[in-house]
C-alpha cells in the first residue's frame, strides 16, 4: 500500500483519538480512556516514521531540482553523495513502515515473565545467573521498562540459585523472546587459585504475560500452602508464614513467591506467575503434534538448547543458533543486549521468509 495514502489515514485517526483524549468526558470512562491511550501509543511510532519519510522525500525532490538547474556546479559531487544517502534512508524508512503495519500479536501487547536459574557449575553457576539478571536489568533500565521481582533464592556466595520477575513495558516480548535457553559461561571463577577456566551454565525462560487473555483456574485444582520466607537475616527475616507455594494439579505446575511480607501480596503474585505458565502450557499442548518440527528450527528457544556462550578471557559472545560472534562482552553485560539480539533477530526473520 502507498505510504502517503496509508500515512494520511493514520494521521487522521491519530488526530481523532487525541481529540477524544483531550475531552473532559473521557475521565469519566476509565475503560474508554485506557483503550484510546493504548491506540495512541500504537500510532505514535507510525506517525514519527511517516513524518520522517515525508521529510526525506521532500529533501530528495529538492536536491534533484537543484541538480537539474546546476549541472555544472562544483557542488554536484557533494549533492549527489547526499542524495545517495537520502535514497538509502528512504529505503530504510519503507522497511520500518512495513514492519510497523504488521498486526501486533497478543504476546507483543503484554509484559513478560522471566525465570533465571543456575545450572551446572555450583557456586559459579549461581554467580553467572546473578550476572545475567544484572545484564537484563540494565537493558530494561535503558529501555525504560519496569522490573518487579516475584521470587528469588540466593546462594551463600551472593549468587542467584533462581529468580522470577516480571518485565513491564512496551516491546518487552519482541526484545526478549529469543533469550530462552541455556546460557554458557567460560571464565576463571573467583575461587579458582590456579587460574583455570571453568564452564558453567544458567537457564533462562521467557514467558509472555498475554494481556487480558482469560485463563480459568478452578480453586479445587490448587494446593496452596504457606511457609516462612527466607531472608538475609536480622530484622529482615520474616517471622510469619507469609510465603506462598501453589501446586496446579492438572498441569503439575508449581510456583512460589516470598518477596513480599504480606501473604495476600505473595498469593497474588504467585497466581500471576501461574497464569503465565498455564498459558504457555496450554499453548504447547495445542501444538504438541508439531514438536518434532519445532525441534529442527533454530528459533525454538527450548531450554535444553545451548543458545549462547559468554567467554570472558576473549571478551567474546557467540550465539550458536545463527553462529553470530561479537567481541564486546563488557558492553553486553552493561545492558547493550541489542548488540547480539539485533543480528540474531535479522537472521532468524530472514530464514522465515
C-alpha atoms as a PDB file:
ATOM      1  CA  UNK A   1       0.000   0.000   0.000  1.00  0.00           C
ATOM      2  CA  UNK A   2       1.146   3.533  -0.810  1.00  0.00           C
ATOM      3  CA  UNK A   3       2.851   5.071   2.240  1.00  0.00           C
ATOM      4  CA  UNK A   4       1.367   8.522   1.610  1.00  0.00           C
ATOM      5  CA  UNK A   5      -2.237   7.267   1.401  1.00  0.00           C
ATOM      6  CA  UNK A   6      -1.932   4.987   4.437  1.00  0.00           C
ATOM      7  CA  UNK A   7       0.092   7.582   6.355  1.00  0.00           C
ATOM      8  CA  UNK A   8      -2.543  10.261   5.838  1.00  0.00           C
ATOM      9  CA  UNK A   9      -5.246   7.845   7.001  1.00  0.00           C
ATOM     10  CA  UNK A  10      -3.267   7.068  10.166  1.00  0.00           C
ATOM     11  CA  UNK A  11      -2.670  10.790  10.779  1.00  0.00           C
ATOM     12  CA  UNK A  12      -6.437  11.395  10.625  1.00  0.00           C
ATOM     13  CA  UNK A  13      -7.054   8.524  13.024  1.00  0.00           C
ATOM     14  CA  UNK A  14      -4.379   9.855  15.402  1.00  0.00           C
ATOM     15  CA  UNK A  15      -5.959  13.329  15.345  1.00  0.00           C
ATOM     16  CA  UNK A  16      -9.380  11.831  16.063  1.00  0.00           C
ATOM     17  CA  UNK A  17      -8.171   9.780  19.052  1.00  0.00           C
ATOM     18  CA  UNK A  18      -6.081  12.589  20.580  1.00  0.00           C
ATOM     19  CA  UNK A  19      -9.177  14.816  20.371  1.00  0.00           C
ATOM     20  CA  UNK A  20     -11.137  12.188  22.320  1.00  0.00           C
ATOM     21  CA  UNK A  21      -8.377  12.027  24.962  1.00  0.00           C
ATOM     22  CA  UNK A  22      -8.457  15.831  25.279  1.00  0.00           C
ATOM     23  CA  UNK A  23     -12.178  15.915  26.024  1.00  0.00           C
ATOM     24  CA  UNK A  24     -13.223  16.275  29.712  1.00  0.00           C
ATOM     25  CA  UNK A  25     -15.781  13.449  29.384  1.00  0.00           C
ATOM     26  CA  UNK A  26     -13.117  10.790  28.835  1.00  0.00           C
ATOM     27  CA  UNK A  27     -12.029  10.970  32.500  1.00  0.00           C
ATOM     28  CA  UNK A  28     -15.442   9.622  33.493  1.00  0.00           C
ATOM     29  CA  UNK A  29     -14.939   6.486  31.399  1.00  0.00           C
ATOM     30  CA  UNK A  30     -11.738   4.646  32.557  1.00  0.00           C
ATOM     31  CA  UNK A  31     -12.237   1.742  30.134  1.00  0.00           C
ATOM     32  CA  UNK A  32     -12.518   4.065  27.127  1.00  0.00           C
ATOM     33  CA  UNK A  33      -9.587   6.149  28.415  1.00  0.00           C
ATOM     34  CA  UNK A  34      -7.373   3.077  28.690  1.00  0.00           C
ATOM     35  CA  UNK A  35      -8.311   1.784  25.233  1.00  0.00           C
ATOM     36  CA  UNK A  36      -7.764   5.122  23.473  1.00  0.00           C
ATOM     37  CA  UNK A  37      -4.464   5.659  25.308  1.00  0.00           C
ATOM     38  CA  UNK A  38      -3.333   2.244  24.059  1.00  0.00           C
ATOM     39  CA  UNK A  39      -4.319   3.150  20.476  1.00  0.00           C
ATOM     40  CA  UNK A  40      -2.357   6.419  20.645  1.00  0.00           C
ATOM     41  CA  UNK A  41       0.738   4.521  21.825  1.00  0.00           C
ATOM     42  CA  UNK A  42       0.391   2.146  18.866  1.00  0.00           C
ATOM     43  CA  UNK A  43       0.001   5.003  16.369  1.00  0.00           C
ATOM     44  CA  UNK A  44       2.831   7.252  17.626  1.00  0.00           C
ATOM     45  CA  UNK A  45       5.757   5.289  16.070  1.00  0.00           C
ATOM     46  CA  UNK A  46       3.845   5.123  12.763  1.00  0.00           C
ATOM     47  CA  UNK A  47       3.297   8.890  12.822  1.00  0.00           C
ATOM     48  CA  UNK A  48       7.013   9.515  13.544  1.00  0.00           C
ATOM     49  CA  UNK A  49       8.115   7.221  10.705  1.00  0.00           C
ATOM     50  CA  UNK A  50       5.598   8.741   8.273  1.00  0.00           C
ATOM     51  CA  UNK A  51       6.711  12.310   9.039  1.00  0.00           C
ATOM     52  CA  UNK A  52      10.377  11.312   8.665  1.00  0.00           C
ATOM     53  CA  UNK A  53       9.540   9.626   5.345  1.00  0.00           C
ATOM     54  CA  UNK A  54       7.737  12.756   4.094  1.00  0.00           C
ATOM     55  CA  UNK A  55      10.685  14.925   5.126  1.00  0.00           C
ATOM     56  CA  UNK A  56      13.148  12.618   3.336  1.00  0.00           C
ATOM     57  CA  UNK A  57      11.058  12.580   0.140  1.00  0.00           C
ATOM     58  CA  UNK A  58      10.877  16.386   0.196  1.00  0.00           C
ATOM     59  CA  UNK A  59      14.665  16.681   0.577  1.00  0.00           C
ATOM     60  CA  UNK A  60      15.222  14.210  -2.280  1.00  0.00           C
ATOM     61  CA  UNK A  61      12.933  16.187  -4.593  1.00  0.00           C
ATOM     62  CA  UNK A  62      14.640  19.492  -3.711  1.00  0.00           C
ATOM     63  CA  UNK A  63      18.097  18.077  -4.386  1.00  0.00           C
ATOM     64  CA  UNK A  64      17.000  16.613  -7.711  1.00  0.00           C
ATOM     65  CA  UNK A  65      15.580  20.008  -8.761  1.00  0.00           C
ATOM     66  CA  UNK A  66      18.870  21.669  -7.776  1.00  0.00           C
ATOM     67  CA  UNK A  67      20.892  19.141  -9.814  1.00  0.00           C
ATOM     68  CA  UNK A  68      18.762  19.801 -12.904  1.00  0.00           C
ATOM     69  CA  UNK A  69      19.472  23.548 -12.640  1.00  0.00           C
ATOM     70  CA  UNK A  70      23.116  23.438 -11.522  1.00  0.00           C
ATOM     71  CA  UNK A  71      24.623  20.678 -13.649  1.00  0.00           C
ATOM     72  CA  UNK A  72      27.951  22.471 -13.985  1.00  0.00           C
ATOM     73  CA  UNK A  73      28.364  23.471 -10.344  1.00  0.00           C
ATOM     74  CA  UNK A  74      31.400  22.388  -8.319  1.00  0.00           C
ATOM     75  CA  UNK A  75      28.958  21.186  -5.649  1.00  0.00           C
ATOM     76  CA  UNK A  76      27.418  18.489  -7.877  1.00  0.00           C
ATOM     77  CA  UNK A  77      29.552  15.695  -6.418  1.00  0.00           C
ATOM     78  CA  UNK A  78      28.671  16.562  -2.824  1.00  0.00           C
ATOM     79  CA  UNK A  79      24.980  16.901  -3.628  1.00  0.00           C
ATOM     80  CA  UNK A  80      24.926  13.560  -5.440  1.00  0.00           C
ATOM     81  CA  UNK A  81      26.571  11.937  -2.396  1.00  0.00           C
ATOM     82  CA  UNK A  82      23.957  13.487  -0.122  1.00  0.00           C
ATOM     83  CA  UNK A  83      21.197  12.339  -2.472  1.00  0.00           C
ATOM     84  CA  UNK A  84      22.546   8.797  -2.359  1.00  0.00           C
ATOM     85  CA  UNK A  85      22.369   8.844   1.456  1.00  0.00           C
ATOM     86  CA  UNK A  86      18.791  10.118   1.374  1.00  0.00           C
ATOM     87  CA  UNK A  87      17.764   7.362  -1.052  1.00  0.00           C
ATOM     88  CA  UNK A  88      19.193   4.789   1.384  1.00  0.00           C
ATOM     89  CA  UNK A  89      17.321   6.483   4.223  1.00  0.00           C
ATOM     90  CA  UNK A  90      14.124   6.299   2.175  1.00  0.00           C
ATOM     91  CA  UNK A  91      14.545   2.516   1.734  1.00  0.00           C
ATOM     92  CA  UNK A  92      15.166   2.073   5.467  1.00  0.00           C
ATOM     93  CA  UNK A  93      12.043   4.056   6.322  1.00  0.00           C
ATOM     94  CA  UNK A  94       9.985   1.985   3.868  1.00  0.00           C
ATOM     95  CA  UNK A  95      11.131  -1.186   5.655  1.00  0.00           C
ATOM     96  CA  UNK A  96      10.331   0.336   9.056  1.00  0.00           C
ATOM     97  CA  UNK A  97       6.901   1.337   7.775  1.00  0.00           C
ATOM     98  CA  UNK A  98       6.107  -2.187   6.528  1.00  0.00           C
ATOM     99  CA  UNK A  99       7.190  -3.614   9.886  1.00  0.00           C
ATOM    100  CA  UNK A 100       5.025  -1.129  11.796  1.00  0.00           C
ATOM    101  CA  UNK A 101       1.968  -2.064   9.724  1.00  0.00           C
ATOM    102  CA  UNK A 102       2.224  -5.731  10.684  1.00  0.00           C
ATOM    103  CA  UNK A 103      -0.530  -6.761  13.142  1.00  0.00           C
ATOM    104  CA  UNK A 104       0.600  -6.738  16.777  1.00  0.00           C
ATOM    105  CA  UNK A 105       0.294 -10.166  18.392  1.00  0.00           C
ATOM    106  CA  UNK A 106      -1.221 -10.619  21.830  1.00  0.00           C
ATOM    107  CA  UNK A 107       2.209 -11.547  23.159  1.00  0.00           C
ATOM    108  CA  UNK A 108       3.678  -8.239  21.957  1.00  0.00           C
ATOM    109  CA  UNK A 109       0.928  -6.305  23.732  1.00  0.00           C
ATOM    110  CA  UNK A 110       1.710  -7.793  27.136  1.00  0.00           C
ATOM    111  CA  UNK A 111       4.593  -7.975  29.589  1.00  0.00           C
ATOM    112  CA  UNK A 112       6.941 -10.918  30.034  1.00  0.00           C
ATOM    113  CA  UNK A 113       7.793 -13.106  32.988  1.00  0.00           C
ATOM    114  CA  UNK A 114      11.441 -14.175  33.105  1.00  0.00           C
ATOM    115  CA  UNK A 115      12.986 -17.018  35.075  1.00  0.00           C
ATOM    116  CA  UNK A 116      16.741 -17.334  35.516  1.00  0.00           C
ATOM    117  CA  UNK A 117      18.121 -20.457  37.221  1.00  0.00           C
ATOM    118  CA  UNK A 118      21.651 -21.597  37.988  1.00  0.00           C
ATOM    119  CA  UNK A 119      22.554 -24.712  36.001  1.00  0.00           C
ATOM    120  CA  UNK A 120      25.666 -26.875  36.162  1.00  0.00           C
ATOM    121  CA  UNK A 121      28.725 -25.444  37.861  1.00  0.00           C
ATOM    122  CA  UNK A 122      27.852 -24.990  41.545  1.00  0.00           C
ATOM    123  CA  UNK A 123      28.587 -21.556  43.030  1.00  0.00           C
ATOM    124  CA  UNK A 124      29.970 -20.280  39.742  1.00  0.00           C
ATOM    125  CA  UNK A 125      26.662 -21.111  38.014  1.00  0.00           C
ATOM    126  CA  UNK A 126      24.724 -19.096  40.594  1.00  0.00           C
ATOM    127  CA  UNK A 127      27.134 -16.146  40.203  1.00  0.00           C
ATOM    128  CA  UNK A 128      26.620 -16.311  36.439  1.00  0.00           C
ATOM    129  CA  UNK A 129      22.829 -16.369  36.935  1.00  0.00           C
ATOM    130  CA  UNK A 130      23.242 -13.184  39.016  1.00  0.00           C
ATOM    131  CA  UNK A 131      25.298 -11.607  36.193  1.00  0.00           C
ATOM    132  CA  UNK A 132      22.596 -12.446  33.665  1.00  0.00           C
ATOM    133  CA  UNK A 133      19.943 -10.846  35.872  1.00  0.00           C
ATOM    134  CA  UNK A 134      22.083  -7.696  36.153  1.00  0.00           C
ATOM    135  CA  UNK A 135      22.515  -7.648  32.357  1.00  0.00           C
ATOM    136  CA  UNK A 136      18.773  -7.910  31.726  1.00  0.00           C
ATOM    137  CA  UNK A 137      18.056  -5.333  34.468  1.00  0.00           C
ATOM    138  CA  UNK A 138      20.406  -2.796  32.858  1.00  0.00           C
ATOM    139  CA  UNK A 139      18.848  -3.500  29.462  1.00  0.00           C
ATOM    140  CA  UNK A 140      15.374  -2.926  30.940  1.00  0.00           C
ATOM    141  CA  UNK A 141      16.539   0.337  32.530  1.00  0.00           C
ATOM    142  CA  UNK A 142      17.875   1.580  29.187  1.00  0.00           C
ATOM    143  CA  UNK A 143      14.521   0.721  27.580  1.00  0.00           C
ATOM    144  CA  UNK A 144      12.545   2.479  30.308  1.00  0.00           C
ATOM    145  CA  UNK A 145      10.900  -0.761  31.442  1.00  0.00           C
ATOM    146  CA  UNK A 146       9.936  -1.671  34.996  1.00  0.00           C
ATOM    147  CA  UNK A 147      11.082  -4.860  36.769  1.00  0.00           C
ATOM    148  CA  UNK A 148       9.007  -6.482  39.501  1.00  0.00           C
ATOM    149  CA  UNK A 149      10.637  -9.407  41.336  1.00  0.00           C
ATOM    150  CA  UNK A 150       8.208 -12.247  42.142  1.00  0.00           C
ATOM    151  CA  UNK A 151      10.566 -14.720  43.815  1.00  0.00           C
ATOM    152  CA  UNK A 152      14.309 -15.116  44.389  1.00  0.00           C
ATOM    153  CA  UNK A 153      16.659 -17.560  46.047  1.00  0.00           C
ATOM    154  CA  UNK A 154      20.268 -16.530  46.746  1.00  0.00           C
ATOM    155  CA  UNK A 155      23.305 -18.758  47.283  1.00  0.00           C
ATOM    156  CA  UNK A 156      25.687 -18.357  50.225  1.00  0.00           C
ATOM    157  CA  UNK A 157      28.201 -16.550  47.990  1.00  0.00           C
ATOM    158  CA  UNK A 158      25.697 -13.956  46.821  1.00  0.00           C
ATOM    159  CA  UNK A 159      24.795 -15.646  43.561  1.00  0.00           C
ATOM    160  CA  UNK A 160      21.285 -16.450  42.403  1.00  0.00           C
ATOM    161  CA  UNK A 161      20.028 -20.006  42.550  1.00  0.00           C
ATOM    162  CA  UNK A 162      16.897 -18.735  40.837  1.00  0.00           C
ATOM    163  CA  UNK A 163      14.919 -15.552  40.287  1.00  0.00           C
ATOM    164  CA  UNK A 164      11.475 -14.978  38.773  1.00  0.00           C
ATOM    165  CA  UNK A 165      10.415 -11.491  37.776  1.00  0.00           C
ATOM    166  CA  UNK A 166       8.051  -9.520  35.528  1.00  0.00           C
ATOM    167  CA  UNK A 167       9.339  -7.051  32.938  1.00  0.00           C
ATOM    168  CA  UNK A 168       6.709  -4.402  32.211  1.00  0.00           C
ATOM    169  CA  UNK A 169       6.888  -2.090  29.213  1.00  0.00           C
ATOM    170  CA  UNK A 170       6.328  -1.656  25.503  1.00  0.00           C
ATOM    171  CA  UNK A 171       8.085  -4.169  23.259  1.00  0.00           C
ATOM    172  CA  UNK A 172       9.295  -6.478  26.026  1.00  0.00           C
ATOM    173  CA  UNK A 173       8.325  -9.697  24.236  1.00  0.00           C
ATOM    174  CA  UNK A 174       9.805  -8.651  20.882  1.00  0.00           C
ATOM    175  CA  UNK A 175      13.128  -7.778  22.557  1.00  0.00           C
ATOM    176  CA  UNK A 176      13.402 -10.722  24.965  1.00  0.00           C
ATOM    177  CA  UNK A 177      11.621 -13.678  23.339  1.00  0.00           C
ATOM    178  CA  UNK A 178      14.839 -15.147  21.906  1.00  0.00           C
ATOM    179  CA  UNK A 179      16.574 -15.292  25.321  1.00  0.00           C
ATOM    180  CA  UNK A 180      15.021 -18.624  26.362  1.00  0.00           C
ATOM    181  CA  UNK A 181      17.558 -21.416  26.576  1.00  0.00           C
ATOM    182  CA  UNK A 182      20.835 -22.492  28.172  1.00  0.00           C
ATOM    183  CA  UNK A 183      23.441 -19.733  28.539  1.00  0.00           C
ATOM    184  CA  UNK A 184      27.024 -20.972  28.983  1.00  0.00           C
ATOM    185  CA  UNK A 185      29.882 -19.051  30.606  1.00  0.00           C
ATOM    186  CA  UNK A 186      33.621 -19.762  30.256  1.00  0.00           C
ATOM    187  CA  UNK A 187      35.770 -17.877  32.771  1.00  0.00           C
ATOM    188  CA  UNK A 188      38.129 -18.224  35.731  1.00  0.00           C
ATOM    189  CA  UNK A 189      35.956 -18.376  38.886  1.00  0.00           C
ATOM    190  CA  UNK A 190      36.701 -16.103  41.852  1.00  0.00           C
ATOM    191  CA  UNK A 191      37.549 -19.205  43.915  1.00  0.00           C
ATOM    192  CA  UNK A 192      40.000 -20.657  41.342  1.00  0.00           C
ATOM    193  CA  UNK A 193      43.565 -20.148  42.632  1.00  0.00           C
ATOM    194  CA  UNK A 194      45.294 -21.784  39.659  1.00  0.00           C
ATOM    195  CA  UNK A 195      43.689 -19.589  37.028  1.00  0.00           C
ATOM    196  CA  UNK A 196      41.904 -22.424  35.237  1.00  0.00           C
ATOM    197  CA  UNK A 197      38.912 -21.624  33.055  1.00  0.00           C
ATOM    198  CA  UNK A 198      35.675 -23.315  34.142  1.00  0.00           C
ATOM    199  CA  UNK A 199      32.473 -23.804  32.169  1.00  0.00           C
ATOM    200  CA  UNK A 200      29.123 -23.221  33.907  1.00  0.00           C
ATOM    201  CA  UNK A 201      25.564 -22.696  32.758  1.00  0.00           C
ATOM    202  CA  UNK A 202      22.355 -20.923  33.666  1.00  0.00           C
ATOM    203  CA  UNK A 203      18.919 -21.350  32.112  1.00  0.00           C
ATOM    204  CA  UNK A 204      16.635 -18.513  31.056  1.00  0.00           C
ATOM    205  CA  UNK A 205      12.914 -18.849  30.348  1.00  0.00           C
ATOM    206  CA  UNK A 206      10.803 -16.043  28.894  1.00  0.00           C
ATOM    207  CA  UNK A 207       7.012 -16.349  29.147  1.00  0.00           C
ATOM    208  CA  UNK A 208       4.548 -13.878  27.622  1.00  0.00           C
ATOM    209  CA  UNK A 209       2.047 -12.447  30.076  1.00  0.00           C
ATOM    210  CA  UNK A 210      -0.671 -12.194  27.466  1.00  0.00           C
ATOM    211  CA  UNK A 211      -2.752  -9.086  28.144  1.00  0.00           C
ATOM    212  CA  UNK A 212      -6.257  -9.877  29.330  1.00  0.00           C
ATOM    213  CA  UNK A 213      -6.272 -13.428  27.963  1.00  0.00           C
ATOM    214  CA  UNK A 214      -8.700 -15.405  30.086  1.00  0.00           C
ATOM    215  CA  UNK A 215      -7.361 -18.429  31.935  1.00  0.00           C
ATOM    216  CA  UNK A 216      -9.923 -20.058  34.181  1.00  0.00           C
ATOM    217  CA  UNK A 217      -8.320 -21.587  37.263  1.00  0.00           C
ATOM    218  CA  UNK A 218     -10.539 -23.874  39.296  1.00  0.00           C
ATOM    219  CA  UNK A 219      -9.732 -23.368  43.010  1.00  0.00           C
ATOM    220  CA  UNK A 220     -10.294 -27.112  43.512  1.00  0.00           C
ATOM    221  CA  UNK A 221      -7.295 -27.763  41.216  1.00  0.00           C
ATOM    222  CA  UNK A 222      -4.935 -25.852  43.503  1.00  0.00           C
ATOM    223  CA  UNK A 223      -2.935 -26.952  46.514  1.00  0.00           C
ATOM    224  CA  UNK A 224      -1.793 -23.853  48.403  1.00  0.00           C
ATOM    225  CA  UNK A 225       0.488 -23.887  51.411  1.00  0.00           C
ATOM    226  CA  UNK A 226       2.414 -21.240  53.307  1.00  0.00           C
ATOM    227  CA  UNK A 227       5.919 -21.168  54.753  1.00  0.00           C
ATOM    228  CA  UNK A 228       8.317 -18.687  56.312  1.00  0.00           C
ATOM    229  CA  UNK A 229      10.191 -16.594  53.799  1.00  0.00           C
ATOM    230  CA  UNK A 230      13.965 -16.836  53.887  1.00  0.00           C
ATOM    231  CA  UNK A 231      15.924 -13.590  54.073  1.00  0.00           C
ATOM    232  CA  UNK A 232      19.355 -12.101  54.671  1.00  0.00           C
ATOM    233  CA  UNK A 233      18.934 -12.349  58.428  1.00  0.00           C
ATOM    234  CA  UNK A 234      18.468  -9.866  61.272  1.00  0.00           C
ATOM    235  CA  UNK A 235      15.381  -7.708  61.199  1.00  0.00           C
ATOM    236  CA  UNK A 236      14.574  -8.730  57.607  1.00  0.00           C
ATOM    237  CA  UNK A 237      13.795 -12.362  58.456  1.00  0.00           C
ATOM    238  CA  UNK A 238      10.070 -12.954  58.147  1.00  0.00           C
ATOM    239  CA  UNK A 239       8.778 -14.427  61.403  1.00  0.00           C
ATOM    240  CA  UNK A 240       5.349 -15.246  59.958  1.00  0.00           C
ATOM    241  CA  UNK A 241       4.360 -17.732  57.256  1.00  0.00           C
ATOM    242  CA  UNK A 242       3.829 -15.176  54.502  1.00  0.00           C
ATOM    243  CA  UNK A 243       5.490 -17.036  51.618  1.00  0.00           C
ATOM    244  CA  UNK A 244       3.185 -18.969  49.274  1.00  0.00           C
ATOM    245  CA  UNK A 245       3.524 -22.190  47.290  1.00  0.00           C
ATOM    246  CA  UNK A 246       0.872 -23.155  44.747  1.00  0.00           C
ATOM    247  CA  UNK A 247       0.582 -26.535  43.008  1.00  0.00           C
ATOM    248  CA  UNK A 248      -1.726 -26.781  39.981  1.00  0.00           C
ATOM    249  CA  UNK A 249      -2.732 -30.451  39.978  1.00  0.00           C
ATOM    250  CA  UNK A 250      -3.966 -30.890  36.359  1.00  0.00           C
ATOM    251  CA  UNK A 251      -0.756 -29.489  34.813  1.00  0.00           C
ATOM    252  CA  UNK A 252       1.720 -30.391  37.548  1.00  0.00           C
ATOM    253  CA  UNK A 253       2.992 -26.790  37.590  1.00  0.00           C
ATOM    254  CA  UNK A 254       4.381 -25.443  40.867  1.00  0.00           C
ATOM    255  CA  UNK A 255       5.029 -21.771  41.652  1.00  0.00           C
ATOM    256  CA  UNK A 256       6.058 -19.903  44.755  1.00  0.00           C
ATOM    257  CA  UNK A 257       6.510 -16.339  45.894  1.00  0.00           C
ATOM    258  CA  UNK A 258       8.183 -14.962  49.022  1.00  0.00           C
ATOM    259  CA  UNK A 259       9.474 -11.496  48.132  1.00  0.00           C
ATOM    260  CA  UNK A 260       6.586  -9.600  49.739  1.00  0.00           C
ATOM    261  CA  UNK A 261       5.972  -9.603  53.520  1.00  0.00           C
ATOM    262  CA  UNK A 262       2.217  -9.856  53.026  1.00  0.00           C
ATOM    263  CA  UNK A 263       0.737 -13.313  52.431  1.00  0.00           C
ATOM    264  CA  UNK A 264      -2.004 -11.716  50.321  1.00  0.00           C
ATOM    265  CA  UNK A 265       0.540  -9.987  48.031  1.00  0.00           C
ATOM    266  CA  UNK A 266       2.614 -13.147  47.667  1.00  0.00           C
ATOM    267  CA  UNK A 267      -0.501 -15.129  46.779  1.00  0.00           C
ATOM    268  CA  UNK A 268      -1.497 -12.578  44.110  1.00  0.00           C
ATOM    269  CA  UNK A 269       1.999 -12.619  42.608  1.00  0.00           C
ATOM    270  CA  UNK A 270       2.202 -16.432  42.632  1.00  0.00           C
ATOM    271  CA  UNK A 271      -1.154 -16.647  40.816  1.00  0.00           C
ATOM    272  CA  UNK A 272       0.138 -14.163  38.238  1.00  0.00           C
ATOM    273  CA  UNK A 273       3.137 -16.400  37.515  1.00  0.00           C
ATOM    274  CA  UNK A 274       0.898 -19.480  37.453  1.00  0.00           C
ATOM    275  CA  UNK A 275      -1.389 -17.834  34.884  1.00  0.00           C
ATOM    276  CA  UNK A 276       1.540 -17.091  32.547  1.00  0.00           C
ATOM    277  CA  UNK A 277       2.852 -20.638  32.913  1.00  0.00           C
ATOM    278  CA  UNK A 278      -0.577 -22.108  32.190  1.00  0.00           C
ATOM    279  CA  UNK A 279      -0.887 -20.004  29.037  1.00  0.00           C
ATOM    280  CA  UNK A 280       2.448 -21.456  27.892  1.00  0.00           C
ATOM    281  CA  UNK A 281       1.414 -24.965  28.999  1.00  0.00           C
ATOM    282  CA  UNK A 282      -1.868 -24.977  27.078  1.00  0.00           C
ATOM    283  CA  UNK A 283      -0.291 -23.325  24.032  1.00  0.00           C
ATOM    284  CA  UNK A 284       2.401 -26.021  23.904  1.00  0.00           C
ATOM    285  CA  UNK A 285      -0.232 -28.717  24.375  1.00  0.00           C
ATOM    286  CA  UNK A 286      -2.233 -27.456  21.405  1.00  0.00           C
ATOM    287  CA  UNK A 287       0.834 -27.609  19.159  1.00  0.00           C
ATOM    288  CA  UNK A 288       2.232 -30.875  20.519  1.00  0.00           C
ATOM    289  CA  UNK A 289       1.910 -32.604  17.157  1.00  0.00           C
ATOM    290  CA  UNK A 290       4.352 -30.018  15.753  1.00  0.00           C
ATOM    291  CA  UNK A 291       7.013 -30.624  18.414  1.00  0.00           C
ATOM    292  CA  UNK A 292       9.375 -32.607  16.161  1.00  0.00           C
ATOM    293  CA  UNK A 293       9.222 -29.914  13.513  1.00  0.00           C
ATOM    294  CA  UNK A 294       9.857 -27.212  16.118  1.00  0.00           C
ATOM    295  CA  UNK A 295      12.919 -29.035  17.427  1.00  0.00           C
ATOM    296  CA  UNK A 296      14.502 -28.746  13.985  1.00  0.00           C
ATOM    297  CA  UNK A 297      14.045 -24.992  13.857  1.00  0.00           C
ATOM    298  CA  UNK A 298      16.677 -22.605  15.229  1.00  0.00           C
ATOM    299  CA  UNK A 299      14.141 -20.365  16.881  1.00  0.00           C
ATOM    300  CA  UNK A 300      12.536 -22.898  19.250  1.00  0.00           C
ATOM    301  CA  UNK A 301      14.105 -21.395  22.367  1.00  0.00           C
ATOM    302  CA  UNK A 302      13.903 -24.779  24.085  1.00  0.00           C
ATOM    303  CA  UNK A 303      15.608 -24.619  27.465  1.00  0.00           C
ATOM    304  CA  UNK A 304      17.545 -27.802  26.681  1.00  0.00           C
ATOM    305  CA  UNK A 305      19.381 -25.969  23.906  1.00  0.00           C
ATOM    306  CA  UNK A 306      22.708 -24.222  24.457  1.00  0.00           C
ATOM    307  CA  UNK A 307      21.931 -20.928  22.793  1.00  0.00           C
ATOM    308  CA  UNK A 308      24.813 -18.663  23.776  1.00  0.00           C
ATOM    309  CA  UNK A 309      28.379 -18.722  25.149  1.00  0.00           C
ATOM    310  CA  UNK A 310      29.988 -15.885  27.132  1.00  0.00           C
ATOM    311  CA  UNK A 311      33.788 -16.235  27.021  1.00  0.00           C
ATOM    312  CA  UNK A 312      35.336 -13.765  29.482  1.00  0.00           C
ATOM    313  CA  UNK A 313      39.021 -14.312  28.653  1.00  0.00           C
ATOM    314  CA  UNK A 314      38.391 -13.416  24.995  1.00  0.00           C
ATOM    315  CA  UNK A 315      35.635 -10.858  25.649  1.00  0.00           C
ATOM    316  CA  UNK A 316      33.531 -12.894  23.226  1.00  0.00           C
ATOM    317  CA  UNK A 317      29.834 -13.731  22.931  1.00  0.00           C
ATOM    318  CA  UNK A 318      28.664 -16.385  20.465  1.00  0.00           C
ATOM    319  CA  UNK A 319      25.032 -17.129  19.666  1.00  0.00           C
ATOM    320  CA  UNK A 320      25.022 -20.721  18.454  1.00  0.00           C
ATOM    321  CA  UNK A 321      21.604 -20.620  16.775  1.00  0.00           C
ATOM    322  CA  UNK A 322      22.863 -18.474  13.915  1.00  0.00           C
ATOM    323  CA  UNK A 323      26.613 -18.616  14.576  1.00  0.00           C
ATOM    324  CA  UNK A 324      26.922 -14.910  15.369  1.00  0.00           C
ATOM    325  CA  UNK A 325      30.053 -13.848  17.308  1.00  0.00           C
ATOM    326  CA  UNK A 326      30.923 -10.398  18.666  1.00  0.00           C
ATOM    327  CA  UNK A 327      33.803  -9.247  20.865  1.00  0.00           C
ATOM    328  CA  UNK A 328      32.009  -6.734  23.102  1.00  0.00           C
ATOM    329  CA  UNK A 329      31.210  -8.778  26.202  1.00  0.00           C
ATOM    330  CA  UNK A 330      31.610  -5.860  28.631  1.00  0.00           C
ATOM    331  CA  UNK A 331      29.167  -3.714  26.662  1.00  0.00           C
ATOM    332  CA  UNK A 332      26.681  -6.584  26.544  1.00  0.00           C
ATOM    333  CA  UNK A 333      26.858  -7.115  30.308  1.00  0.00           C
ATOM    334  CA  UNK A 334      26.331  -3.352  30.740  1.00  0.00           C
ATOM    335  CA  UNK A 335      22.888  -3.776  29.202  1.00  0.00           C
ATOM    336  CA  UNK A 336      23.568  -3.299  25.479  1.00  0.00           C
ATOM    337  CA  UNK A 337      21.794  -6.536  24.679  1.00  0.00           C
ATOM    338  CA  UNK A 338      20.832  -5.372  21.184  1.00  0.00           C
ATOM    339  CA  UNK A 339      24.475  -5.937  20.124  1.00  0.00           C
ATOM    340  CA  UNK A 340      23.692  -9.655  19.896  1.00  0.00           C
ATOM    341  CA  UNK A 341      19.882  -9.715  19.665  1.00  0.00           C
ATOM    342  CA  UNK A 342      19.576  -7.454  16.598  1.00  0.00           C
ATOM    343  CA  UNK A 343      21.786  -9.560  14.262  1.00  0.00           C
ATOM    344  CA  UNK A 344      20.142 -12.677  15.721  1.00  0.00           C
ATOM    345  CA  UNK A 345      16.653 -11.325  15.048  1.00  0.00           C
ATOM    346  CA  UNK A 346      17.572 -10.250  11.496  1.00  0.00           C
ATOM    347  CA  UNK A 347      18.926 -13.683  10.582  1.00  0.00           C
ATOM    348  CA  UNK A 348      16.035 -15.578  12.146  1.00  0.00           C
ATOM    349  CA  UNK A 349      13.452 -13.403  10.399  1.00  0.00           C
ATOM    350  CA  UNK A 350      15.300 -13.705   7.069  1.00  0.00           C
ATOM    351  CA  UNK A 351      15.208 -17.508   7.333  1.00  0.00           C
ATOM    352  CA  UNK A 352      11.448 -17.464   7.972  1.00  0.00           C
ATOM    353  CA  UNK A 353      10.748 -15.663   4.664  1.00  0.00           C
END
